Amino acid sequence: MEKNNKNIDQAVIHKMMNRAIEINHSCKEKCRDFKIMTSTMRKDSLILQWRTIDISNEDNPIQYYRFECFKMDGTPELCSIHYTDQKQANDFITSLQTLYHQKFAIDHTL
């Protein structure tokens, strides 16, 4: 577990990582690298980012980055983030700052 020097309340981490555990349990692919992030393009929102890795074809695994939005108190906004414009997508990715990182969605309260 990594924490950035920016303050994020422990209760918010618990709420968002509880969602990460739900995502991991329902994920058909392998889910890894759960991060709580902020972006200048999504003010007043926290972003949960994770990677899915589809290894159904071992010769060509496919990796995706997934995102969900949360209010600053850790309450889900019930939205995901998707850009069809490559420049906007790149701008969004470069604007992300990690506040908290957990490699696997396991019990973070231990």
PDB file of N, CA and C in Angstrom:
ATOM      1  N   MET A   1       0.835  -1.182   0.000  1.00  0.00           N
ATOM      2  CA  MET A   1       0.000   0.000   0.000  1.00  0.00           C
ATOM      3  C   MET A   1       0.880   1.246   0.000  1.00  0.00           C
ATOM      4  N   GLU A   2       0.582   2.162  -0.879  1.00  0.00           N
ATOM      5  CA  GLU A   2       1.322   3.414  -0.937  1.00  0.00           C
ATOM      6  C   GLU A   2       0.356   4.562  -0.726  1.00  0.00           C
ATOM      7  N   LYS A   3       0.821   5.555  -0.014  1.00  0.00           N
ATOM      8  CA  LYS A   3       0.037   6.773   0.162  1.00  0.00           C
ATOM      9  C   LYS A   3       0.867   7.953  -0.301  1.00  0.00           C
ATOM     10  N   ASN A   4       0.230   8.858  -0.995  1.00  0.00           N
ATOM     11  CA  ASN A   4       0.860  10.102  -1.394  1.00  0.00           C
ATOM     12  C   ASN A   4       0.837  11.027  -0.181  1.00  0.00           C
ATOM     13  N   ASN A   5       1.621  12.080  -0.246  1.00  0.00           N
ATOM     14  CA  ASN A   5       1.644  13.008   0.882  1.00  0.00           C
ATOM     15  C   ASN A   5       0.385  13.876   0.945  1.00  0.00           C
ATOM     16  N   LYS A   6      -0.443  13.865  -0.104  1.00  0.00           N
ATOM     17  CA  LYS A   6      -1.719  14.575  -0.022  1.00  0.00           C
ATOM     18  C   LYS A   6      -2.612  13.830   0.952  1.00  0.00           C
ATOM     19  N   ASN A   7      -3.355  14.559   1.741  1.00  0.00           N
ATOM     20  CA  ASN A   7      -4.206  13.931   2.750  1.00  0.00           C
ATOM     21  C   ASN A   7      -5.449  13.325   2.122  1.00  0.00           C
ATOM     22  N   ILE A   8      -5.706  12.102   2.508  1.00  0.00           N
ATOM     23  CA  ILE A   8      -6.954  11.441   2.155  1.00  0.00           C
ATOM     24  C   ILE A   8      -7.398  10.701   3.410  1.00  0.00           C
ATOM     25  N   ASP A   9      -8.621  10.930   3.797  1.00  0.00           N
ATOM     26  CA  ASP A   9      -9.141  10.363   5.035  1.00  0.00           C
ATOM     27  C   ASP A   9      -9.198   8.837   4.947  1.00  0.00           C
ATOM     28  N   GLN A  10      -8.855   8.184   6.034  1.00  0.00           N
ATOM     29  CA  GLN A  10      -8.851   6.719   6.087  1.00  0.00           C
ATOM     30  C   GLN A  10     -10.237   6.145   5.789  1.00  0.00           C
ATOM     31  N   ALA A  11     -11.294   6.819   6.222  1.00  0.00           N
ATOM     32  CA  ALA A  11     -12.659   6.347   5.956  1.00  0.00           C
ATOM     33  C   ALA A  11     -12.962   6.360   4.459  1.00  0.00           C
ATOM     34  N   VAL A  12     -12.435   7.350   3.746  1.00  0.00           N
ATOM     35  CA  VAL A  12     -12.622   7.435   2.300  1.00  0.00           C
ATOM     36  C   VAL A  12     -11.886   6.281   1.623  1.00  0.00           C
ATOM     37  N   ILE A  13     -10.668   6.010   2.071  1.00  0.00           N
ATOM     38  CA  ILE A  13      -9.908   4.876   1.528  1.00  0.00           C
ATOM     39  C   ILE A  13     -10.698   3.587   1.727  1.00  0.00           C
ATOM     40  N   HIS A  14     -11.246   3.389   2.913  1.00  0.00           N
ATOM     41  CA  HIS A  14     -12.007   2.168   3.191  1.00  0.00           C
ATOM     42  C   HIS A  14     -13.223   2.048   2.271  1.00  0.00           C
ATOM     43  N   LYS A  15     -13.973   3.131   2.098  1.00  0.00           N
ATOM     44  CA  LYS A  15     -15.147   3.088   1.221  1.00  0.00           C
ATOM     45  C   LYS A  15     -14.756   2.707  -0.204  1.00  0.00           C
ATOM     46  N   MET A  16     -13.721   3.358  -0.710  1.00  0.00           N
ATOM     47  CA  MET A  16     -13.334   3.127  -2.096  1.00  0.00           C
ATOM     48  C   MET A  16     -12.687   1.757  -2.285  1.00  0.00           C
ATOM     49  N   MET A  17     -11.911   1.316  -1.327  1.00  0.00           N
ATOM     50  CA  MET A  17     -11.289  -0.002  -1.455  1.00  0.00           C
ATOM     51  C   MET A  17     -12.301  -1.117  -1.209  1.00  0.00           C
ATOM     52  N   ASN A  18     -13.365  -0.848  -0.466  1.00  0.00           N
ATOM     53  CA  ASN A  18     -14.461  -1.817  -0.379  1.00  0.00           C
ATOM     54  C   ASN A  18     -15.079  -2.014  -1.762  1.00  0.00           C
ATOM     55  N   ARG A  19     -15.212  -0.930  -2.500  1.00  0.00           N
ATOM     56  CA  ARG A  19     -15.705  -1.023  -3.885  1.00  0.00           C
ATOM     57  C   ARG A  19     -14.710  -1.802  -4.744  1.00  0.00           C
ATOM     58  N   ALA A  20     -13.424  -1.601  -4.519  1.00  0.00           N
ATOM     59  CA  ALA A  20     -12.401  -2.341  -5.269  1.00  0.00           C
ATOM     60  C   ALA A  20     -12.544  -3.843  -5.039  1.00  0.00           C
ATOM     61  N   ILE A  21     -12.852  -4.233  -3.815  1.00  0.00           N
ATOM     62  CA  ILE A  21     -13.052  -5.657  -3.514  1.00  0.00           C
ATOM     63  C   ILE A  21     -14.261  -6.183  -4.286  1.00  0.00           C
ATOM     64  N   GLU A  22     -15.350  -5.405  -4.339  1.00  0.00           N
ATOM     65  CA  GLU A  22     -16.527  -5.802  -5.121  1.00  0.00           C
ATOM     66  C   GLU A  22     -16.167  -5.966  -6.590  1.00  0.00           C
ATOM     67  N   ILE A  23     -15.418  -5.010  -7.118  1.00  0.00           N
ATOM     68  CA  ILE A  23     -14.995  -5.067  -8.518  1.00  0.00           C
ATOM     69  C   ILE A  23     -14.171  -6.325  -8.756  1.00  0.00           C
ATOM     70  N   ASN A  24     -13.238  -6.588  -7.868  1.00  0.00           N
ATOM     71  CA  ASN A  24     -12.359  -7.742  -8.023  1.00  0.00           C
ATOM     72  C   ASN A  24     -13.150  -9.049  -8.027  1.00  0.00           C
ATOM     73  N   HIS A  25     -14.148  -9.160  -7.146  1.00  0.00           N
ATOM     74  CA  HIS A  25     -14.950 -10.386  -7.078  1.00  0.00           C
ATOM     75  C   HIS A  25     -15.792 -10.590  -8.339  1.00  0.00           C
ATOM     76  N   SER A  26     -16.231  -9.517  -8.964  1.00  0.00           N
ATOM     77  CA  SER A  26     -17.085  -9.640 -10.145  1.00  0.00           C
ATOM     78  C   SER A  26     -16.301  -9.576 -11.458  1.00  0.00           C
ATOM     79  N   CYS A  27     -15.007  -9.428 -11.371  1.00  0.00           N
ATOM     80  CA  CYS A  27     -14.154  -9.250 -12.551  1.00  0.00           C
ATOM     81  C   CYS A  27     -13.867 -10.599 -13.217  1.00  0.00           C
ATOM     82  N   LYS A  28     -14.199 -10.715 -14.507  1.00  0.00           N
ATOM     83  CA  LYS A  28     -13.898 -11.944 -15.248  1.00  0.00           C
ATOM     84  C   LYS A  28     -12.401 -12.058 -15.509  1.00  0.00           C
ATOM     85  N   GLU A  29     -11.768 -10.915 -15.718  1.00  0.00           N
ATOM     86  CA  GLU A  29     -10.340 -10.881 -15.978  1.00  0.00           C
ATOM     87  C   GLU A  29      -9.598 -10.791 -14.648  1.00  0.00           C
ATOM     88  N   LYS A  30      -8.299 -10.675 -14.721  1.00  0.00           N
ATOM     89  CA  LYS A  30      -7.484 -10.418 -13.532  1.00  0.00           C
ATOM     90  C   LYS A  30      -7.506  -8.913 -13.286  1.00  0.00           C
ATOM     91  N   CYS A  31      -7.822  -8.497 -12.075  1.00  0.00           N
ATOM     92  CA  CYS A  31      -7.854  -7.075 -11.727  1.00  0.00           C
ATOM     93  C   CYS A  31      -6.695  -6.763 -10.787  1.00  0.00           C
ATOM     94  N   ARG A  32      -5.952  -5.706 -11.097  1.00  0.00           N
ATOM     95  CA  ARG A  32      -4.754  -5.353 -10.336  1.00  0.00           C
ATOM     96  C   ARG A  32      -4.603  -3.834 -10.250  1.00  0.00           C
ATOM     97  N   ASP A  33      -3.686  -3.420  -9.413  1.00  0.00           N
ATOM     98  CA  ASP A  33      -3.246  -2.018  -9.310  1.00  0.00           C
ATOM     99  C   ASP A  33      -4.395  -1.042  -9.082  1.00  0.00           C
ATOM    100  N   PHE A  34      -5.061  -1.185  -7.970  1.00  0.00           N
ATOM    101  CA  PHE A  34      -6.141  -0.273  -7.615  1.00  0.00           C
ATOM    102  C   PHE A  34      -5.536   1.010  -7.054  1.00  0.00           C
ATOM    103  N   LYS A  35      -5.943   2.148  -7.624  1.00  0.00           N
ATOM    104  CA  LYS A  35      -5.411   3.446  -7.202  1.00  0.00           C
ATOM    105  C   LYS A  35      -6.553   4.418  -6.968  1.00  0.00           C
ATOM    106  N   ILE A  36      -6.413   5.205  -5.919  1.00  0.00           N
ATOM    107  CA  ILE A  36      -7.310   6.333  -5.686  1.00  0.00           C
ATOM    108  C   ILE A  36      -6.565   7.557  -6.190  1.00  0.00           C
ATOM    109  N   MET A  37      -7.210   8.293  -7.098  1.00  0.00           N
ATOM    110  CA  MET A  37      -6.521   9.376  -7.789  1.00  0.00           C
ATOM    111  C   MET A  37      -7.387  10.631  -7.860  1.00  0.00           C
ATOM    112  N   THR A  38      -6.738  11.713  -8.235  1.00  0.00           N
ATOM    113  CA  THR A  38      -7.434  12.956  -8.560  1.00  0.00           C
ATOM    114  C   THR A  38      -7.002  13.383  -9.957  1.00  0.00           C
ATOM    115  N   SER A  39      -7.792  14.262 -10.554  1.00  0.00           N
ATOM    116  CA  SER A  39      -7.470  14.807 -11.869  1.00  0.00           C
ATOM    117  C   SER A  39      -7.949  16.247 -11.927  1.00  0.00           C
ATOM    118  N   THR A  40      -7.160  17.087 -12.539  1.00  0.00           N
ATOM    119  CA  THR A  40      -7.580  18.478 -12.738  1.00  0.00           C
ATOM    120  C   THR A  40      -8.757  18.556 -13.703  1.00  0.00           C
ATOM    121  N   MET A  41      -8.980  17.504 -14.483  1.00  0.00           N
ATOM    122  CA  MET A  41     -10.094  17.477 -15.430  1.00  0.00           C
ATOM    123  C   MET A  41     -11.400  17.027 -14.774  1.00  0.00           C
ATOM    124  N   ARG A  42     -11.329  16.532 -13.549  1.00  0.00           N
ATOM    125  CA  ARG A  42     -12.507  16.077 -12.806  1.00  0.00           C
ATOM    126  C   ARG A  42     -12.462  16.664 -11.407  1.00  0.00           C
ATOM    127  N   LYS A  43     -12.647  17.955 -11.328  1.00  0.00           N
ATOM    128  CA  LYS A  43     -12.568  18.636 -10.035  1.00  0.00           C
ATOM    129  C   LYS A  43     -13.657  18.118  -9.094  1.00  0.00           C
ATOM    130  N   ASP A  44     -13.346  18.118  -7.815  1.00  0.00           N
ATOM    131  CA  ASP A  44     -14.273  17.669  -6.772  1.00  0.00           C
ATOM    132  C   ASP A  44     -14.703  16.214  -6.942  1.00  0.00           C
ATOM    133  N   SER A  45     -13.832  15.406  -7.537  1.00  0.00           N
ATOM    134  CA  SER A  45     -14.089  13.973  -7.674  1.00  0.00           C
ATOM    135  C   SER A  45     -12.826  13.201  -7.341  1.00  0.00           C
ATOM    136  N   LEU A  46     -13.024  12.041  -6.760  1.00  0.00           N
ATOM    137  CA  LEU A  46     -11.944  11.075  -6.615  1.00  0.00           C
ATOM    138  C   LEU A  46     -12.165  10.013  -7.677  1.00  0.00           C
ATOM    139  N   ILE A  47     -11.100   9.414  -8.131  1.00  0.00           N
ATOM    140  CA  ILE A  47     -11.177   8.437  -9.206  1.00  0.00           C
ATOM    141  C   ILE A  47     -10.532   7.146  -8.727  1.00  0.00           C
ATOM    142  N   LEU A  48     -11.253   6.056  -8.892  1.00  0.00           N
ATOM    143  CA  LEU A  48     -10.690   4.739  -8.631  1.00  0.00           C
ATOM    144  C   LEU A  48     -10.246   4.177  -9.978  1.00  0.00           C
ATOM    145  N   GLN A  49      -8.961   3.906 -10.097  1.00  0.00           N
ATOM    146  CA  GLN A  49      -8.408   3.348 -11.329  1.00  0.00           C
ATOM    147  C   GLN A  49      -7.909   1.937 -11.033  1.00  0.00           C
ATOM    148  N   TRP A  50      -8.097   1.031 -11.982  1.00  0.00           N
ATOM    149  CA  TRP A  50      -7.522  -0.305 -11.870  1.00  0.00           C
ATOM    150  C   TRP A  50      -7.267  -0.856 -13.266  1.00  0.00           C
ATOM    151  N   ARG A  51      -6.443  -1.897 -13.307  1.00  0.00           N
ATOM    152  CA  ARG A  51      -6.119  -2.569 -14.562  1.00  0.00           C
ATOM    153  C   ARG A  51      -6.821  -3.912 -14.610  1.00  0.00           C
ATOM    154  N   THR A  52      -7.369  -4.245 -15.783  1.00  0.00           N
ATOM    155  CA  THR A  52      -7.852  -5.601 -16.015  1.00  0.00           C
ATOM    156  C   THR A  52      -6.940  -6.226 -17.053  1.00  0.00           C
ATOM    157  N   ILE A  53      -6.649  -7.496 -16.862  1.00  0.00           N
ATOM    158  CA  ILE A  53      -5.788  -8.217 -17.794  1.00  0.00           C
ATOM    159  C   ILE A  53      -6.525  -9.475 -18.226  1.00  0.00           C
ATOM    160  N   ASP A  54      -6.853  -9.532 -19.506  1.00  0.00           N
ATOM    161  CA  ASP A  54      -7.526 -10.696 -20.081  1.00  0.00           C
ATOM    162  C   ASP A  54      -6.446 -11.639 -20.599  1.00  0.00           C
ATOM    163  N   ILE A  55      -6.319 -12.793 -19.950  1.00  0.00           N
ATOM    164  CA  ILE A  55      -5.282 -13.746 -20.355  1.00  0.00           C
ATOM    165  C   ILE A  55      -5.900 -14.987 -21.011  1.00  0.00           C
ATOM    166  N   SER A  56      -7.098 -14.833 -21.585  1.00  0.00           N
ATOM    167  CA  SER A  56      -7.729 -15.963 -22.261  1.00  0.00           C
ATOM    168  C   SER A  56      -6.900 -16.424 -23.456  1.00  0.00           C
ATOM    169  N   ASN A  57      -6.174 -15.509 -24.072  1.00  0.00           N
ATOM    170  CA  ASN A  57      -5.219 -15.858 -25.124  1.00  0.00           C
ATOM    171  C   ASN A  57      -3.828 -15.578 -24.558  1.00  0.00           C
ATOM    172  N   GLU A  58      -3.159 -16.620 -24.113  1.00  0.00           N
ATOM    173  CA  GLU A  58      -1.867 -16.448 -23.443  1.00  0.00           C
ATOM    174  C   GLU A  58      -0.815 -15.791 -24.324  1.00  0.00           C
ATOM    175  N   ASP A  59      -0.949 -15.941 -25.637  1.00  0.00           N
ATOM    176  CA  ASP A  59       0.013 -15.333 -26.557  1.00  0.00           C
ATOM    177  C   ASP A  59      -0.248 -13.851 -26.776  1.00  0.00           C
ATOM    178  N   ASN A  60      -1.434 -13.410 -26.412  1.00  0.00           N
ATOM    179  CA  ASN A  60      -1.789 -12.009 -26.627  1.00  0.00           C
ATOM    180  C   ASN A  60      -2.682 -11.503 -25.493  1.00  0.00           C
ATOM    181  N   PRO A  61      -2.125 -11.340 -24.285  1.00  0.00           N
ATOM    182  CA  PRO A  61      -2.950 -10.804 -23.195  1.00  0.00           C
ATOM    183  C   PRO A  61      -3.350  -9.357 -23.489  1.00  0.00           C
ATOM    184  N   ILE A  62      -4.550  -9.011 -23.091  1.00  0.00           N
ATOM    185  CA  ILE A  62      -5.061  -7.658 -23.337  1.00  0.00           C
ATOM    186  C   ILE A  62      -5.244  -6.959 -22.000  1.00  0.00           C
ATOM    187  N   GLN A  63      -4.709  -5.754 -21.915  1.00  0.00           N
ATOM    188  CA  GLN A  63      -4.754  -4.965 -20.684  1.00  0.00           C
ATOM    189  C   GLN A  63      -5.584  -3.704 -20.910  1.00  0.00           C
ATOM    190  N   TYR A  64      -6.469  -3.413 -19.954  1.00  0.00           N
ATOM    191  CA  TYR A  64      -7.285  -2.205 -20.002  1.00  0.00           C
ATOM    192  C   TYR A  64      -7.155  -1.463 -18.682  1.00  0.00           C
ATOM    193  N   TYR A  65      -7.260  -0.148 -18.749  1.00  0.00           N
ATOM    194  CA  TYR A  65      -7.376   0.662 -17.542  1.00  0.00           C
ATOM    195  C   TYR A  65      -8.838   1.039 -17.388  1.00  0.00           C
ATOM    196  N   ARG A  66      -9.361   0.860 -16.191  1.00  0.00           N
ATOM    197  CA  ARG A  66     -10.758   1.167 -15.889  1.00  0.00           C
ATOM    198  C   ARG A  66     -10.806   2.271 -14.838  1.00  0.00           C
ATOM    199  N   PHE A  67     -11.884   3.052 -14.873  1.00  0.00           N
ATOM    200  CA  PHE A  67     -12.028   4.180 -13.960  1.00  0.00           C
ATOM    201  C   PHE A  67     -13.464   4.274 -13.461  1.00  0.00           C
ATOM    202  N   GLU A  68     -13.626   4.615 -12.192  1.00  0.00           N
ATOM    203  CA  GLU A  68     -14.930   4.964 -11.622  1.00  0.00           C
ATOM    204  C   GLU A  68     -14.774   6.253 -10.834  1.00  0.00           C
ATOM    205  N   CYS A  69     -15.837   7.057 -10.831  1.00  0.00           N
ATOM    206  CA  CYS A  69     -15.830   8.345 -10.129  1.00  0.00           C
ATOM    207  C   CYS A  69     -16.466   8.212  -8.747  1.00  0.00           C
ATOM    208  N   PHE A  70     -15.940   9.001  -7.821  1.00  0.00           N
ATOM    209  CA  PHE A  70     -16.464   9.046  -6.462  1.00  0.00           C
ATOM    210  C   PHE A  70     -16.511  10.494  -6.007  1.00  0.00           C
ATOM    211  N   LYS A  71     -17.452  10.774  -5.114  1.00  0.00           N
ATOM    212  CA  LYS A  71     -17.461  12.085  -4.469  1.00  0.00           C
ATOM    213  C   LYS A  71     -16.276  12.146  -3.519  1.00  0.00           C
ATOM    214  N   MET A  72     -15.949  13.320  -3.052  1.00  0.00           N
ATOM    215  CA  MET A  72     -14.773  13.502  -2.198  1.00  0.00           C
ATOM    216  C   MET A  72     -14.888  12.768  -0.863  1.00  0.00           C
ATOM    217  N   ASP A  73     -16.109  12.376  -0.484  1.00  0.00           N
ATOM    218  CA  ASP A  73     -16.281  11.615   0.759  1.00  0.00           C
ATOM    219  C   ASP A  73     -16.235  10.103   0.527  1.00  0.00           C
ATOM    220  N   GLY A  74     -15.968   9.681  -0.722  1.00  0.00           N
ATOM    221  CA  GLY A  74     -15.865   8.259  -1.040  1.00  0.00           C
ATOM    222  C   GLY A  74     -17.157   7.624  -1.504  1.00  0.00           C
ATOM    223  N   THR A  75     -18.223   8.416  -1.625  1.00  0.00           N
ATOM    224  CA  THR A  75     -19.503   7.908  -2.106  1.00  0.00           C
ATOM    225  C   THR A  75     -19.445   7.761  -3.626  1.00  0.00           C
ATOM    226  N   PRO A  76     -19.853   6.607  -4.163  1.00  0.00           N
ATOM    227  CA  PRO A  76     -19.814   6.427  -5.618  1.00  0.00           C
ATOM    228  C   PRO A  76     -20.706   7.428  -6.340  1.00  0.00           C
ATOM    229  N   GLU A  77     -20.217   7.931  -7.463  1.00  0.00           N
ATOM    230  CA  GLU A  77     -21.020   8.800  -8.325  1.00  0.00           C
ATOM    231  C   GLU A  77     -21.738   7.990  -9.393  1.00  0.00           C
ATOM    232  N   LEU A  78     -21.507   6.673  -9.393  1.00  0.00           N
ATOM    233  CA  LEU A  78     -22.132   5.759 -10.342  1.00  0.00           C
ATOM    234  C   LEU A  78     -21.876   6.175 -11.786  1.00  0.00           C
ATOM    235  N   CYS A  79     -20.632   6.481 -12.073  1.00  0.00           N
ATOM    236  CA  CYS A  79     -20.247   6.806 -13.439  1.00  0.00           C
ATOM    237  C   CYS A  79     -18.872   6.213 -13.704  1.00  0.00           C
ATOM    238  N   SER A  80     -18.581   6.042 -14.962  1.00  0.00           N
ATOM    239  CA  SER A  80     -17.239   5.633 -15.353  1.00  0.00           C
ATOM    240  C   SER A  80     -16.700   6.715 -16.282  1.00  0.00           C
ATOM    241  N   ILE A  81     -15.449   6.607 -16.626  1.00  0.00           N
ATOM    242  CA  ILE A  81     -14.812   7.625 -17.461  1.00  0.00           C
ATOM    243  C   ILE A  81     -14.396   6.983 -18.770  1.00  0.00           C
ATOM    244  N   HIS A  82     -14.794   7.606 -19.869  1.00  0.00           N
ATOM    245  CA  HIS A  82     -14.456   7.086 -21.191  1.00  0.00           C
ATOM    246  C   HIS A  82     -14.286   8.266 -22.142  1.00  0.00           C
ATOM    247  N   TYR A  83     -13.201   8.267 -22.882  1.00  0.00           N
ATOM    248  CA  TYR A  83     -12.963   9.304 -23.882  1.00  0.00           C
ATOM    249  C   TYR A  83     -12.819   8.646 -25.247  1.00  0.00           C
ATOM    250  N   THR A  84     -13.515   9.163 -26.251  1.00  0.00           N
ATOM    251  CA  THR A  84     -13.336   8.665 -27.610  1.00  0.00           C
ATOM    252  C   THR A  84     -12.280   9.477 -28.338  1.00  0.00           C
ATOM    253  N   ASP A  85     -12.027  10.680 -27.873  1.00  0.00           N
ATOM    254  CA  ASP A  85     -11.010  11.541 -28.467  1.00  0.00           C
ATOM    255  C   ASP A  85      -9.651  11.220 -27.836  1.00  0.00           C
ATOM    256  N   GLN A  86      -8.673  10.839 -28.650  1.00  0.00           N
ATOM    257  CA  GLN A  86      -7.367  10.416 -28.142  1.00  0.00           C
ATOM    258  C   GLN A  86      -6.650  11.525 -27.380  1.00  0.00           C
ATOM    259  N   LYS A  87      -6.743  12.766 -27.848  1.00  0.00           N
ATOM    260  CA  LYS A  87      -6.069  13.867 -27.157  1.00  0.00           C
ATOM    261  C   LYS A  87      -6.671  14.076 -25.769  1.00  0.00           C
ATOM    262  N   GLN A  88      -7.996  14.068 -25.673  1.00  0.00           N
ATOM    263  CA  GLN A  88      -8.645  14.210 -24.364  1.00  0.00           C
ATOM    264  C   GLN A  88      -8.251  13.070 -23.435  1.00  0.00           C
ATOM    265  N   ALA A  89      -8.208  11.866 -23.967  1.00  0.00           N
ATOM    266  CA  ALA A  89      -7.822  10.707 -23.154  1.00  0.00           C
ATOM    267  C   ALA A  89      -6.396  10.866 -22.643  1.00  0.00           C
ATOM    268  N   ASN A  90      -5.490  11.279 -23.509  1.00  0.00           N
ATOM    269  CA  ASN A  90      -4.096  11.487 -23.097  1.00  0.00           C
ATOM    270  C   ASN A  90      -3.983  12.593 -22.058  1.00  0.00           C
ATOM    271  N   ASP A  91      -4.724  13.680 -22.267  1.00  0.00           N
ATOM    272  CA  ASP A  91      -4.709  14.780 -21.294  1.00  0.00           C
ATOM    273  C   ASP A  91      -5.213  14.304 -19.934  1.00  0.00           C
ATOM    274  N   PHE A  92      -6.258  13.489 -19.955  1.00  0.00           N
ATOM    275  CA  PHE A  92      -6.802  12.964 -18.708  1.00  0.00           C
ATOM    276  C   PHE A  92      -5.769  12.081 -18.004  1.00  0.00           C
ATOM    277  N   ILE A  93      -5.171  11.174 -18.730  1.00  0.00           N
ATOM    278  CA  ILE A  93      -4.187  10.251 -18.143  1.00  0.00           C
ATOM    279  C   ILE A  93      -3.017  11.020 -17.535  1.00  0.00           C
ATOM    280  N   THR A  94      -2.525  12.026 -18.230  1.00  0.00           N
ATOM    281  CA  THR A  94      -1.379  12.781 -17.703  1.00  0.00           C
ATOM    282  C   THR A  94      -1.769  13.684 -16.536  1.00  0.00           C
ATOM    283  N   SER A  95      -3.062  13.975 -16.385  1.00  0.00           N
ATOM    284  CA  SER A  95      -3.498  14.837 -15.280  1.00  0.00           C
ATOM    285  C   SER A  95      -3.690  14.063 -13.970  1.00  0.00           C
ATOM    286  N   LEU A  96      -3.665  12.749 -14.019  1.00  0.00           N
ATOM    287  CA  LEU A  96      -3.934  11.936 -12.828  1.00  0.00           C
ATOM    288  C   LEU A  96      -2.807  12.012 -11.809  1.00  0.00           C
ATOM    289  N   GLN A  97      -3.192  12.135 -10.551  1.00  0.00           N
ATOM    290  CA  GLN A  97      -2.241  12.099  -9.434  1.00  0.00           C
ATOM    291  C   GLN A  97      -2.717  11.048  -8.441  1.00  0.00           C
ATOM    292  N   THR A  98      -1.820  10.136  -8.087  1.00  0.00           N
ATOM    293  CA  THR A  98      -2.166   9.049  -7.178  1.00  0.00           C
ATOM    294  C   THR A  98      -2.139   9.522  -5.733  1.00  0.00           C
ATOM    295  N   LEU A  99      -3.219   9.230  -5.007  1.00  0.00           N
ATOM    296  CA  LEU A  99      -3.289   9.515  -3.577  1.00  0.00           C
ATOM    297  C   LEU A  99      -3.061   8.250  -2.758  1.00  0.00           C
ATOM    298  N   TYR A 100      -3.463   7.098  -3.318  1.00  0.00           N
ATOM    299  CA  TYR A 100      -3.364   5.829  -2.598  1.00  0.00           C
ATOM    300  C   TYR A 100      -3.274   4.716  -3.631  1.00  0.00           C
ATOM    301  N   HIS A 101      -2.413   3.730  -3.382  1.00  0.00           N
ATOM    302  CA  HIS A 101      -2.236   2.621  -4.318  1.00  0.00           C
ATOM    303  C   HIS A 101      -2.208   1.307  -3.556  1.00  0.00           C
ATOM    304  N   GLN A 102      -2.960   0.354  -4.063  1.00  0.00           N
ATOM    305  CA  GLN A 102      -2.958  -0.990  -3.490  1.00  0.00           C
ATOM    306  C   GLN A 102      -2.908  -1.978  -4.649  1.00  0.00           C
ATOM    307  N   LYS A 103      -1.900  -2.826  -4.660  1.00  0.00           N
ATOM    308  CA  LYS A 103      -1.660  -3.741  -5.778  1.00  0.00           C
ATOM    309  C   LYS A 103      -2.837  -4.683  -6.027  1.00  0.00           C
ATOM    310  N   PHE A 104      -3.349  -5.289  -4.972  1.00  0.00           N
ATOM    311  CA  PHE A 104      -4.445  -6.246  -5.099  1.00  0.00           C
ATOM    312  C   PHE A 104      -5.617  -5.796  -4.235  1.00  0.00           C
ATOM    313  N   ALA A 105      -6.825  -6.165  -4.636  1.00  0.00           N
ATOM    314  CA  ALA A 105      -8.019  -5.818  -3.858  1.00  0.00           C
ATOM    315  C   ALA A 105      -8.237  -6.890  -2.799  1.00  0.00           C
ATOM    316  N   ILE A 106      -7.495  -6.772  -1.732  1.00  0.00           N
ATOM    317  CA  ILE A 106      -7.643  -7.674  -0.599  1.00  0.00           C
ATOM    318  C   ILE A 106      -8.157  -6.859   0.571  1.00  0.00           C
ATOM    319  N   ASP A 107      -8.307  -7.481   1.697  1.00  0.00           N
ATOM    320  CA  ASP A 107      -8.822  -6.745   2.855  1.00  0.00           C
ATOM    321  C   ASP A 107      -7.823  -5.677   3.283  1.00  0.00           C
ATOM    322  N   HIS A 108      -8.148  -4.444   2.994  1.00  0.00           N
ATOM    323  CA  HIS A 108      -7.283  -3.294   3.270  1.00  0.00           C
ATOM    324  C   HIS A 108      -7.362  -2.844   4.727  1.00  0.00           C
ATOM    325  N   THR A 109      -8.246  -3.462   5.496  1.00  0.00           N
ATOM    326  CA  THR A 109      -8.404  -3.042   6.891  1.00  0.00           C
ATOM    327  C   THR A 109      -7.484  -3.806   7.830  1.00  0.00           C
ATOM    328  N   LEU A 110      -6.751  -4.771   7.304  1.00  0.00           N
ATOM    329  CA  LEU A 110      -5.845  -5.564   8.152  1.00  0.00           C
ATOM    330  C   LEU A 110      -4.697  -4.731   8.668  1.00  0.00           C
TER     331      LEU A 110
END
